[in-house]
C-alpha atoms as a PDB file:
ATOM      1  CA  MET A   1     -88.928  -3.161  58.418  1.00  0.00           C
ATOM      2  CA  VAL A   2     -89.725  -5.711  55.494  1.00  0.00           C
ATOM      3  CA  ILE A   3     -89.444  -4.021  52.112  1.00  0.00           C
ATOM      4  CA  GLY A   4     -91.326  -5.961  49.094  1.00  0.00           C
ATOM      5  CA  LEU A   5     -89.747  -5.789  45.548  1.00  0.00           C
ATOM      6  CA  SER A   6     -91.679  -6.535  42.594  1.00  0.00           C
ATOM      7  CA  SER A   7     -90.280  -5.802  38.631  1.00  0.00           C
ATOM      8  CA  ASP A   8     -90.899  -7.015  35.255  1.00  0.00           C
ATOM      9  CA  HIS A   9     -88.586  -7.955  32.856  1.00  0.00           C
ATOM     10  CA  GLY A  10     -87.149  -4.399  32.171  1.00  0.00           C
ATOM     11  CA  GLY A  11     -86.422  -4.114  35.986  1.00  0.00           C
ATOM     12  CA  VAL A  12     -85.319  -7.520  36.873  1.00  0.00           C
ATOM     13  CA  ASN A  13     -81.643  -6.381  37.146  1.00  0.00           C
ATOM     14  CA  LEU A  14     -82.001  -3.311  39.226  1.00  0.00           C
ATOM     15  CA  LYS A  15     -84.475  -5.229  41.317  1.00  0.00           C
ATOM     16  CA  GLU A  16     -81.589  -7.510  42.312  1.00  0.00           C
ATOM     17  CA  ARG A  17     -79.242  -5.013  42.848  1.00  0.00           C
ATOM     18  CA  ILE A  18     -81.622  -3.253  45.282  1.00  0.00           C
ATOM     19  CA  LYS A  19     -82.323  -6.646  46.991  1.00  0.00           C
ATOM     20  CA  MET A  20     -78.644  -7.209  47.516  1.00  0.00           C
ATOM     21  CA  HIS A  21     -78.135  -3.451  48.932  1.00  0.00           C
ATOM     22  CA  LEU A  22     -81.145  -3.951  51.594  1.00  0.00           C
ATOM     23  CA  GLU A  23     -80.281  -7.167  52.693  1.00  0.00           C
ATOM     24  CA  ALA A  24     -76.774  -5.923  52.986  1.00  0.00           C
ATOM     25  CA  LYS A  25     -78.173  -3.325  55.681  1.00  0.00           C
ATOM     26  CA  GLY A  26     -79.892  -5.837  57.460  1.00  0.00           C
ATOM     27  CA  ILE A  27     -83.288  -4.934  55.909  1.00  0.00           C
ATOM     28  CA  LYS A  28     -85.683  -8.232  55.419  1.00  0.00           C
ATOM     29  CA  VAL A  29     -86.850  -7.890  51.917  1.00  0.00           C
ATOM     30  CA  ILE A  30     -89.668  -9.988  49.927  1.00  0.00           C
ATOM     31  CA  ASP A  31     -89.344 -10.498  46.500  1.00  0.00           C
ATOM     32  CA  TYR A  32     -92.267 -10.896  44.593  1.00  0.00           C
ATOM     33  CA  GLY A  33     -90.791 -11.423  41.095  1.00  0.00           C
ATOM     34  CA  THR A  34     -90.016 -11.413  38.111  1.00  0.00           C
ATOM     35  CA  ASN A  35     -86.662 -13.063  38.384  1.00  0.00           C
ATOM     36  CA  GLY A  36     -86.015 -13.695  34.502  1.00  0.00           C
ATOM     37  CA  SER A  37     -85.620 -11.538  31.498  1.00  0.00           C
ATOM     38  CA  GLU A  38     -88.383 -13.246  29.864  1.00  0.00           C
ATOM     39  CA  SER A  39     -91.133 -10.868  28.893  1.00  0.00           C
ATOM     40  CA  VAL A  40     -93.884 -10.437  31.671  1.00  0.00           C
ATOM     41  CA  ASP A  41     -96.724  -7.448  31.849  1.00  0.00           C
ATOM     42  CA  TYR A  42     -95.466  -4.884  34.583  1.00  0.00           C
ATOM     43  CA  PRO A  43     -99.425  -4.248  35.609  1.00  0.00           C
ATOM     44  CA  ASP A  44     -99.807  -7.712  37.096  1.00  0.00           C
ATOM     45  CA  TYR A  45     -96.063  -7.000  39.318  1.00  0.00           C
ATOM     46  CA  GLY A  46     -97.291  -3.456  40.072  1.00  0.00           C
ATOM     47  CA  LYS A  47    -100.698  -5.160  41.367  1.00  0.00           C
ATOM     48  CA  LEU A  48     -99.380  -7.681  43.360  1.00  0.00           C
ATOM     49  CA  LEU A  49     -96.916  -5.504  45.184  1.00  0.00           C
ATOM     50  CA  GLY A  50     -99.660  -2.903  46.106  1.00  0.00           C
ATOM     51  CA  GLU A  51    -101.746  -5.474  47.303  1.00  0.00           C
ATOM     52  CA  LYS A  52     -99.159  -7.095  49.272  1.00  0.00           C
ATOM     53  CA  VAL A  53     -98.439  -3.430  50.946  1.00  0.00           C
ATOM     54  CA  VAL A  54    -102.285  -2.872  51.525  1.00  0.00           C
ATOM     55  CA  ASP A  55    -102.546  -6.296  53.279  1.00  0.00           C
ATOM     56  CA  MET A  56     -99.322  -5.390  55.625  1.00  0.00           C
ATOM     57  CA  GLU A  57     -97.721  -8.344  54.286  1.00  0.00           C
ATOM     58  CA  VAL A  58     -94.520  -5.706  54.096  1.00  0.00           C
ATOM     59  CA  ASP A  59     -93.879  -2.304  55.021  1.00  0.00           C
ATOM     60  CA  LEU A  60     -93.239  -0.482  51.952  1.00  0.00           C
ATOM     61  CA  GLY A  61     -92.738  -1.613  48.378  1.00  0.00           C
ATOM     62  CA  ILE A  62     -90.471  -0.766  45.640  1.00  0.00           C
ATOM     63  CA  ALA A  63     -91.659  -1.850  41.912  1.00  0.00           C
ATOM     64  CA  ILE A  64     -89.153  -1.288  39.113  1.00  0.00           C
ATOM     65  CA  CYS A  65     -89.619  -1.600  35.155  1.00  0.00           C
ATOM     66  CA  GLY A  66     -87.839   0.069  32.456  1.00  0.00           C
ATOM     67  CA  THR A  67     -89.157   3.461  33.567  1.00  0.00           C
ATOM     68  CA  GLY A  68     -90.678   3.007  36.544  1.00  0.00           C
ATOM     69  CA  ILE A  69     -93.889   4.703  35.260  1.00  0.00           C
ATOM     70  CA  GLY A  70     -96.250   1.606  34.147  1.00  0.00           C
ATOM     71  CA  ILE A  71     -95.542  -0.167  37.469  1.00  0.00           C
ATOM     72  CA  GLY A  72     -96.047   2.594  39.502  1.00  0.00           C
ATOM     73  CA  LEU A  73     -99.428   3.801  37.472  1.00  0.00           C
ATOM     74  CA  ALA A  74    -100.566  -0.252  38.591  1.00  0.00           C
ATOM     75  CA  ALA A  75     -99.714   0.264  41.576  1.00  0.00           C
ATOM     76  CA  ASN A  76    -101.588   3.492  42.210  1.00  0.00           C
ATOM     77  CA  LYS A  77    -104.820   1.348  41.310  1.00  0.00           C
ATOM     78  CA  VAL A  78    -104.665  -0.210  44.181  1.00  0.00           C
ATOM     79  CA  LYS A  79    -107.074   1.319  46.265  1.00  0.00           C
ATOM     80  CA  GLY A  80    -104.670   2.570  49.620  1.00  0.00           C
ATOM     81  CA  ILE A  81    -101.351   2.611  47.572  1.00  0.00           C
ATOM     82  CA  ARG A  82     -99.588   6.329  47.326  1.00  0.00           C
ATOM     83  CA  CYS A  83     -97.024   5.355  44.479  1.00  0.00           C
ATOM     84  CA  ALA A  84     -94.109   7.784  43.342  1.00  0.00           C
ATOM     85  CA  ASN A  85     -92.170   7.456  40.485  1.00  0.00           C
ATOM     86  CA  LEU A  86     -88.673   8.769  41.735  1.00  0.00           C
ATOM     87  CA  SER A  87     -85.809   9.819  39.896  1.00  0.00           C
ATOM     88  CA  ASP A  88     -83.778  12.153  42.473  1.00  0.00           C
ATOM     89  CA  THR A  89     -83.219  11.976  46.390  1.00  0.00           C
ATOM     90  CA  TYR A  90     -84.657  15.038  47.342  1.00  0.00           C
ATOM     91  CA  SER A  91     -88.382  14.000  45.552  1.00  0.00           C
ATOM     92  CA  ALA A  92     -87.544  10.459  47.408  1.00  0.00           C
ATOM     93  CA  LYS A  93     -87.365  12.429  50.743  1.00  0.00           C
ATOM     94  CA  MET A  94     -90.641  14.530  50.047  1.00  0.00           C
ATOM     95  CA  ALA A  95     -92.748  11.164  49.366  1.00  0.00           C
ATOM     96  CA  LYS A  96     -92.185  10.036  52.585  1.00  0.00           C
ATOM     97  CA  ARG A  97     -92.264  13.315  54.351  1.00  0.00           C
ATOM     98  CA  HIS A  98     -95.220  15.175  52.842  1.00  0.00           C
ATOM     99  CA  ASN A  99     -97.151  12.419  50.997  1.00  0.00           C
ATOM    100  CA  ASP A 100     -96.553   9.455  53.022  1.00  0.00           C
ATOM    101  CA  CYS A 101     -95.750   7.107  50.259  1.00  0.00           C
ATOM    102  CA  ASN A 102     -96.171   3.821  50.873  1.00  0.00           C
ATOM    103  CA  MET A 103     -94.488   2.632  47.590  1.00  0.00           C
ATOM    104  CA  ILE A 104     -92.060   3.803  44.956  1.00  0.00           C
ATOM    105  CA  SER A 105     -91.068   3.215  41.453  1.00  0.00           C
ATOM    106  CA  LEU A 106     -88.109   3.329  39.762  1.00  0.00           C
ATOM    107  CA  GLY A 107     -86.754   3.021  35.953  1.00  0.00           C
ATOM    108  CA  GLU A 108     -84.088   0.559  35.369  1.00  0.00           C
ATOM    109  CA  ARG A 109     -83.857   2.000  32.064  1.00  0.00           C
ATOM    110  CA  THR A 110     -83.448   5.689  33.175  1.00  0.00           C
ATOM    111  CA  LEU A 111     -81.357   5.579  36.667  1.00  0.00           C
ATOM    112  CA  GLY A 112     -78.227   4.263  37.091  1.00  0.00           C
ATOM    113  CA  VAL A 113     -77.558   1.923  39.992  1.00  0.00           C
ATOM    114  CA  GLY A 114     -75.645   4.085  42.280  1.00  0.00           C
ATOM    115  CA  LEU A 115     -78.510   7.018  41.859  1.00  0.00           C
ATOM    116  CA  ALA A 116     -81.172   4.194  42.298  1.00  0.00           C
ATOM    117  CA  LEU A 117     -79.932   3.053  45.549  1.00  0.00           C
ATOM    118  CA  GLU A 118     -79.393   6.554  46.996  1.00  0.00           C
ATOM    119  CA  ILE A 119     -82.998   7.358  46.000  1.00  0.00           C
ATOM    120  CA  VAL A 120     -84.004   3.751  48.026  1.00  0.00           C
ATOM    121  CA  ASP A 121     -81.922   4.925  50.760  1.00  0.00           C
ATOM    122  CA  ALA A 122     -83.483   8.421  50.970  1.00  0.00           C
ATOM    123  CA  PHE A 123     -86.819   7.290  50.807  1.00  0.00           C
ATOM    124  CA  LEU A 124     -86.405   4.862  53.679  1.00  0.00           C
ATOM    125  CA  GLY A 125     -84.610   6.971  55.898  1.00  0.00           C
ATOM    126  CA  ALA A 126     -87.199   9.939  55.636  1.00  0.00           C
ATOM    127  CA  GLU A 127     -90.375  10.105  58.048  1.00  0.00           C
ATOM    128  CA  PHE A 128     -94.055  11.112  57.679  1.00  0.00           C
ATOM    129  CA  GLU A 129     -93.851  15.019  59.027  1.00  0.00           C
ATOM    130  CA  ASP A 130     -97.659  14.482  59.794  1.00  0.00           C
ATOM    131  CA  GLY A 131     -99.671  17.712  60.766  1.00  0.00           C
ATOM    132  CA  ARG A 132    -100.948  19.592  57.955  1.00  0.00           C
ATOM    133  CA  HIS A 133     -99.628  16.998  55.576  1.00  0.00           C
ATOM    134  CA  SER A 134    -102.148  14.187  57.107  1.00  0.00           C
ATOM    135  CA  ILE A 135    -104.795  16.659  56.087  1.00  0.00           C
ATOM    136  CA  ARG A 136    -103.658  16.520  52.256  1.00  0.00           C
ATOM    137  CA  VAL A 137    -102.723  12.818  52.595  1.00  0.00           C
ATOM    138  CA  ASN A 138    -106.300  12.269  53.835  1.00  0.00           C
ATOM    139  CA  LYS A 139    -107.710  14.264  50.947  1.00  0.00           C
ATOM    140  CA  ILE A 140    -105.871  12.412  48.219  1.00  0.00           C
ATOM    141  CA  MET A 141    -107.224   9.432  50.152  1.00  0.00           C
ATOM    142  CA  GLU A 142    -110.666  10.451  49.952  1.00  0.00           C
ATOM    143  CA  ILE A 143    -110.661  10.759  46.134  1.00  0.00           C
ATOM    144  CA  GLU A 144    -110.528   6.685  46.120  1.00  0.00           C
ATOM    145  CA  ASN A 145    -113.863   6.797  47.758  1.00  0.00           C
END
């Protein structure tokens, strides 16, 4: 499994913590930036990571900004992306189990590090349940067309 990470300046610290957490578990990570506190635009990083997921350069994406909202909205504009902005572990599991999300977004300013890591683990540990959920996911994806 290869996980892509991206953030704006408001999410760079949490991104680094998630990166260390995943690498300590032996998970390969590709970091698409940003890597500093200088102000950057979150849409650029949400779009970039979304494109990497759709192009299958990474298996899943985790995008971080101050709230996770803006970067997630940007990612969802990339055709083929299903990105959920998460703040709890139950939703993290359901995002994968029922919605087959291929990206999540998190907020550095809204989540503590411990909870953020639990959300990441819950999302990565869940599996898509297929069946009736495939019909619904396909309906979501048809909206893009």
